[in-house]
C-alpha atoms as a PDB file:
ATOM      1  CA  UNK A   1     -11.472 -12.106  14.390  1.00  0.00           C
ATOM      2  CA  UNK A   2      -8.705 -12.623  11.869  1.00  0.00           C
ATOM      3  CA  UNK A   3      -7.742  -9.787   9.570  1.00  0.00           C
ATOM      4  CA  UNK A   4      -8.705 -11.931   6.564  1.00  0.00           C
ATOM      5  CA  UNK A   5     -12.113 -12.693   8.032  1.00  0.00           C
ATOM      6  CA  UNK A   6     -12.675  -9.029   8.855  1.00  0.00           C
ATOM      7  CA  UNK A   7     -11.781  -8.067   5.286  1.00  0.00           C
ATOM      8  CA  UNK A   8     -14.002 -10.717   3.705  1.00  0.00           C
ATOM      9  CA  UNK A   9     -17.014 -10.279   5.985  1.00  0.00           C
ATOM     10  CA  UNK A  10     -16.951  -6.547   6.744  1.00  0.00           C
ATOM     11  CA  UNK A  11     -14.928  -4.698   4.106  1.00  0.00           C
ATOM     12  CA  UNK A  12     -15.968  -6.667   1.012  1.00  0.00           C
ATOM     13  CA  UNK A  13     -19.678  -5.752   1.371  1.00  0.00           C
ATOM     14  CA  UNK A  14     -18.739  -2.067   1.656  1.00  0.00           C
ATOM     15  CA  UNK A  15     -16.418  -2.200  -1.355  1.00  0.00           C
ATOM     16  CA  UNK A  16     -19.069  -3.986  -3.408  1.00  0.00           C
ATOM     17  CA  UNK A  17     -21.285  -0.912  -3.047  1.00  0.00           C
ATOM     18  CA  UNK A  18     -18.675   1.033  -5.048  1.00  0.00           C
ATOM     19  CA  UNK A  19     -18.571  -1.454  -7.930  1.00  0.00           C
ATOM     20  CA  UNK A  20     -20.514  -0.272 -10.975  1.00  0.00           C
ATOM     21  CA  UNK A  21     -22.111  -2.545 -13.556  1.00  0.00           C
ATOM     22  CA  UNK A  22     -20.189  -0.852 -16.381  1.00  0.00           C
ATOM     23  CA  UNK A  23     -16.875  -0.434 -14.575  1.00  0.00           C
ATOM     24  CA  UNK A  24     -13.863  -1.228 -16.757  1.00  0.00           C
ATOM     25  CA  UNK A  25     -11.142  -3.497 -15.348  1.00  0.00           C
ATOM     26  CA  UNK A  26      -7.544  -2.310 -15.249  1.00  0.00           C
ATOM     27  CA  UNK A  27      -6.666  -5.533 -17.083  1.00  0.00           C
ATOM     28  CA  UNK A  28      -8.341  -8.713 -18.214  1.00  0.00           C
ATOM     29  CA  UNK A  29     -11.606  -9.458 -19.944  1.00  0.00           C
ATOM     30  CA  UNK A  30     -14.121  -9.954 -17.161  1.00  0.00           C
ATOM     31  CA  UNK A  31     -17.008  -7.623 -16.591  1.00  0.00           C
ATOM     32  CA  UNK A  32     -17.855  -6.703 -12.989  1.00  0.00           C
ATOM     33  CA  UNK A  33     -20.621  -9.301 -13.005  1.00  0.00           C
ATOM     34  CA  UNK A  34     -18.300 -11.995 -14.388  1.00  0.00           C
ATOM     35  CA  UNK A  35     -15.826 -11.218 -11.599  1.00  0.00           C
ATOM     36  CA  UNK A  36     -18.524 -11.414  -8.912  1.00  0.00           C
ATOM     37  CA  UNK A  37     -19.924 -14.672 -10.258  1.00  0.00           C
ATOM     38  CA  UNK A  38     -16.399 -16.125 -10.582  1.00  0.00           C
ATOM     39  CA  UNK A  39     -15.528 -15.334  -6.956  1.00  0.00           C
ATOM     40  CA  UNK A  40     -18.908 -16.560  -5.725  1.00  0.00           C
ATOM     41  CA  UNK A  41     -18.512 -19.872  -7.522  1.00  0.00           C
ATOM     42  CA  UNK A  42     -14.994 -20.480  -6.199  1.00  0.00           C
ATOM     43  CA  UNK A  43     -15.968 -19.669  -2.615  1.00  0.00           C
ATOM     44  CA  UNK A  44     -19.067 -21.882  -2.805  1.00  0.00           C
ATOM     45  CA  UNK A  45     -16.949 -24.769  -4.097  1.00  0.00           C
ATOM     46  CA  UNK A  46     -14.673 -24.600  -1.057  1.00  0.00           C
ATOM     47  CA  UNK A  47     -17.217 -26.053   1.333  1.00  0.00           C
ATOM     48  CA  UNK A  48     -17.642 -29.245  -0.666  1.00  0.00           C
ATOM     49  CA  UNK A  49     -15.721 -32.351  -1.584  1.00  0.00           C
ATOM     50  CA  UNK A  50     -15.660 -33.206  -5.262  1.00  0.00           C
ATOM     51  CA  UNK A  51     -14.497 -36.775  -4.937  1.00  0.00           C
ATOM     52  CA  UNK A  52     -11.468 -38.010  -3.042  1.00  0.00           C
ATOM     53  CA  UNK A  53      -7.740 -37.345  -3.514  1.00  0.00           C
ATOM     54  CA  UNK A  54      -6.327 -38.912  -6.678  1.00  0.00           C
ATOM     55  CA  UNK A  55      -2.621 -39.873  -6.567  1.00  0.00           C
ATOM     56  CA  UNK A  56      -2.347 -39.127 -10.299  1.00  0.00           C
ATOM     57  CA  UNK A  57      -3.114 -35.456  -9.570  1.00  0.00           C
ATOM     58  CA  UNK A  58      -0.956 -35.144  -6.455  1.00  0.00           C
ATOM     59  CA  UNK A  59       1.961 -33.281  -8.072  1.00  0.00           C
ATOM     60  CA  UNK A  60      -0.206 -30.520  -9.561  1.00  0.00           C
ATOM     61  CA  UNK A  61      -2.203 -30.241  -6.336  1.00  0.00           C
ATOM     62  CA  UNK A  62       1.005 -29.944  -4.314  1.00  0.00           C
ATOM     63  CA  UNK A  63       1.964 -27.022  -6.554  1.00  0.00           C
ATOM     64  CA  UNK A  64      -1.329 -25.303  -5.787  1.00  0.00           C
ATOM     65  CA  UNK A  65      -0.804 -25.877  -2.063  1.00  0.00           C
ATOM     66  CA  UNK A  66       2.684 -24.332  -2.320  1.00  0.00           C
ATOM     67  CA  UNK A  67       1.127 -21.330  -4.077  1.00  0.00           C
ATOM     68  CA  UNK A  68      -1.232 -20.874  -1.116  1.00  0.00           C
ATOM     69  CA  UNK A  69       1.520 -21.324   1.476  1.00  0.00           C
ATOM     70  CA  UNK A  70       3.544 -18.625  -0.285  1.00  0.00           C
ATOM     71  CA  UNK A  71       0.630 -16.223   0.196  1.00  0.00           C
ATOM     72  CA  UNK A  72      -1.448 -17.014  -2.917  1.00  0.00           C
ATOM     73  CA  UNK A  73      -0.221 -13.948  -4.791  1.00  0.00           C
ATOM     74  CA  UNK A  74      -1.938 -13.804  -8.171  1.00  0.00           C
ATOM     75  CA  UNK A  75      -0.335 -12.349 -11.287  1.00  0.00           C
ATOM     76  CA  UNK A  76      -2.113 -11.318 -14.454  1.00  0.00           C
ATOM     77  CA  UNK A  77      -1.115 -13.381 -17.456  1.00  0.00           C
ATOM     78  CA  UNK A  78      -1.924 -12.278 -20.967  1.00  0.00           C
ATOM     79  CA  UNK A  79      -4.124 -14.682 -22.875  1.00  0.00           C
ATOM     80  CA  UNK A  80      -5.407 -15.299 -26.366  1.00  0.00           C
ATOM     81  CA  UNK A  81      -8.954 -15.409 -25.032  1.00  0.00           C
ATOM     82  CA  UNK A  82     -11.538 -12.812 -26.017  1.00  0.00           C
ATOM     83  CA  UNK A  83     -14.771 -11.574 -24.438  1.00  0.00           C
ATOM     84  CA  UNK A  84     -16.516 -14.281 -26.468  1.00  0.00           C
ATOM     85  CA  UNK A  85     -14.724 -16.853 -24.285  1.00  0.00           C
ATOM     86  CA  UNK A  86     -16.241 -15.540 -21.051  1.00  0.00           C
ATOM     87  CA  UNK A  87     -18.698 -17.946 -19.439  1.00  0.00           C
ATOM     88  CA  UNK A  88     -22.406 -17.311 -19.678  1.00  0.00           C
ATOM     89  CA  UNK A  89     -23.651 -15.262 -16.740  1.00  0.00           C
ATOM     90  CA  UNK A  90     -25.682 -17.151 -14.137  1.00  0.00           C
ATOM     91  CA  UNK A  91     -27.722 -14.172 -12.955  1.00  0.00           C
ATOM     92  CA  UNK A  92     -29.808 -11.967 -15.208  1.00  0.00           C
ATOM     93  CA  UNK A  93     -28.731  -8.744 -13.537  1.00  0.00           C
ATOM     94  CA  UNK A  94     -25.617  -7.380 -11.865  1.00  0.00           C
ATOM     95  CA  UNK A  95     -27.732  -6.293  -8.883  1.00  0.00           C
ATOM     96  CA  UNK A  96     -28.841  -9.894  -8.429  1.00  0.00           C
ATOM     97  CA  UNK A  97     -25.286 -11.279  -8.588  1.00  0.00           C
ATOM     98  CA  UNK A  98     -23.579  -8.898  -6.150  1.00  0.00           C
ATOM     99  CA  UNK A  99     -25.270 -10.043  -2.909  1.00  0.00           C
ATOM    100  CA  UNK A 100     -24.508 -13.662  -3.792  1.00  0.00           C
ATOM    101  CA  UNK A 101     -20.808 -13.049  -3.090  1.00  0.00           C
ATOM    102  CA  UNK A 102     -21.624 -11.849   0.424  1.00  0.00           C
ATOM    103  CA  UNK A 103     -23.856 -14.903   0.947  1.00  0.00           C
ATOM    104  CA  UNK A 104     -21.074 -17.239  -0.260  1.00  0.00           C
ATOM    105  CA  UNK A 105     -18.579 -15.664   2.159  1.00  0.00           C
ATOM    106  CA  UNK A 106     -21.041 -15.984   5.048  1.00  0.00           C
ATOM    107  CA  UNK A 107     -21.680 -19.630   4.176  1.00  0.00           C
ATOM    108  CA  UNK A 108     -17.933 -20.303   4.016  1.00  0.00           C
ATOM    109  CA  UNK A 109     -17.378 -19.002   7.547  1.00  0.00           C
ATOM    110  CA  UNK A 110     -20.540 -20.638   8.920  1.00  0.00           C
ATOM    111  CA  UNK A 111     -19.528 -23.987   7.404  1.00  0.00           C
ATOM    112  CA  UNK A 112     -16.081 -23.944   9.008  1.00  0.00           C
ATOM    113  CA  UNK A 113     -17.411 -22.732  12.363  1.00  0.00           C
ATOM    114  CA  UNK A 114     -19.692 -25.781  12.399  1.00  0.00           C
ATOM    115  CA  UNK A 115     -17.126 -28.150  10.801  1.00  0.00           C
ATOM    116  CA  UNK A 116     -13.650 -26.926  11.827  1.00  0.00           C
ATOM    117  CA  UNK A 117     -11.887 -30.116  10.709  1.00  0.00           C
ATOM    118  CA  UNK A 118     -13.560 -30.289   7.282  1.00  0.00           C
ATOM    119  CA  UNK A 119     -11.206 -30.349   4.302  1.00  0.00           C
ATOM    120  CA  UNK A 120     -12.539 -29.361   0.920  1.00  0.00           C
ATOM    121  CA  UNK A 121     -11.390 -31.336  -2.080  1.00  0.00           C
ATOM    122  CA  UNK A 122     -11.314 -30.369  -5.731  1.00  0.00           C
ATOM    123  CA  UNK A 123      -9.272 -32.133  -8.406  1.00  0.00           C
ATOM    124  CA  UNK A 124      -7.489 -28.880  -9.327  1.00  0.00           C
ATOM    125  CA  UNK A 125      -6.796 -27.467  -5.852  1.00  0.00           C
ATOM    126  CA  UNK A 126      -6.456 -30.703  -3.949  1.00  0.00           C
ATOM    127  CA  UNK A 127      -7.438 -31.159  -0.324  1.00  0.00           C
ATOM    128  CA  UNK A 128      -7.378 -27.884   1.596  1.00  0.00           C
ATOM    129  CA  UNK A 129      -8.267 -26.934   5.144  1.00  0.00           C
ATOM    130  CA  UNK A 130      -9.926 -23.804   6.487  1.00  0.00           C
ATOM    131  CA  UNK A 131      -6.733 -21.783   6.920  1.00  0.00           C
ATOM    132  CA  UNK A 132      -5.499 -22.576   3.426  1.00  0.00           C
ATOM    133  CA  UNK A 133      -8.854 -21.732   1.901  1.00  0.00           C
ATOM    134  CA  UNK A 134      -9.179 -18.491   3.857  1.00  0.00           C
ATOM    135  CA  UNK A 135      -5.734 -17.409   2.628  1.00  0.00           C
ATOM    136  CA  UNK A 136      -6.655 -18.302  -0.939  1.00  0.00           C
ATOM    137  CA  UNK A 137     -10.045 -16.549  -0.859  1.00  0.00           C
ATOM    138  CA  UNK A 138      -8.628 -13.431   0.750  1.00  0.00           C
ATOM    139  CA  UNK A 139      -5.894 -13.074  -1.848  1.00  0.00           C
ATOM    140  CA  UNK A 140      -8.209 -14.007  -4.732  1.00  0.00           C
ATOM    141  CA  UNK A 141     -10.819 -11.414  -3.737  1.00  0.00           C
ATOM    142  CA  UNK A 142      -8.127  -8.765  -3.187  1.00  0.00           C
ATOM    143  CA  UNK A 143      -6.666  -9.472  -6.625  1.00  0.00           C
ATOM    144  CA  UNK A 144      -9.979  -9.089  -8.433  1.00  0.00           C
ATOM    145  CA  UNK A 145     -11.012  -6.061  -6.385  1.00  0.00           C
ATOM    146  CA  UNK A 146      -7.704  -4.431  -7.338  1.00  0.00           C
ATOM    147  CA  UNK A 147      -8.389  -5.425 -10.963  1.00  0.00           C
ATOM    148  CA  UNK A 148     -11.553  -3.317 -10.807  1.00  0.00           C
ATOM    149  CA  UNK A 149     -10.046  -0.434  -8.843  1.00  0.00           C
ATOM    150  CA  UNK A 150     -11.793  -1.236  -5.567  1.00  0.00           C
ATOM    151  CA  UNK A 151      -8.410  -1.585  -3.857  1.00  0.00           C
ATOM    152  CA  UNK A 152      -5.530   0.809  -4.559  1.00  0.00           C
ATOM    153  CA  UNK A 153      -2.835  -1.869  -4.603  1.00  0.00           C
ATOM    154  CA  UNK A 154      -2.188  -5.584  -4.639  1.00  0.00           C
ATOM    155  CA  UNK A 155      -0.731  -7.523  -2.885  1.00  0.00           C
END
């Protein structure tokens, strides 16, 4: 089992037990539930194809692919957004949202075990394979878990 897979499938569920509904982030605007729903949505989207590659988007998508191949290290950027700009929550309760992240991770790995050659496509990220997506998800989850103090450091 890869270290990334072990982290996502075994350590993430344990760390999620430490996340509190009212936990303040070290930076950013998201609430714990917003963070969970954000990660869940991104992971779910990586087992689908949203259209086919568009040459007009190729340059931006190549930049995203380079970001992943450099380790997908996220950096906080200040923004003019406020809490009012946060998306509406999908789940009524934090306790309902949390297990959905674990389910999304399980589905990600199950999908690629059954379809190892599948490449997800999204007009922002481009066409990505399993290894690229695993790197992205691992770093993305680590970043947000660090944001909420679930990890002591990042990267």
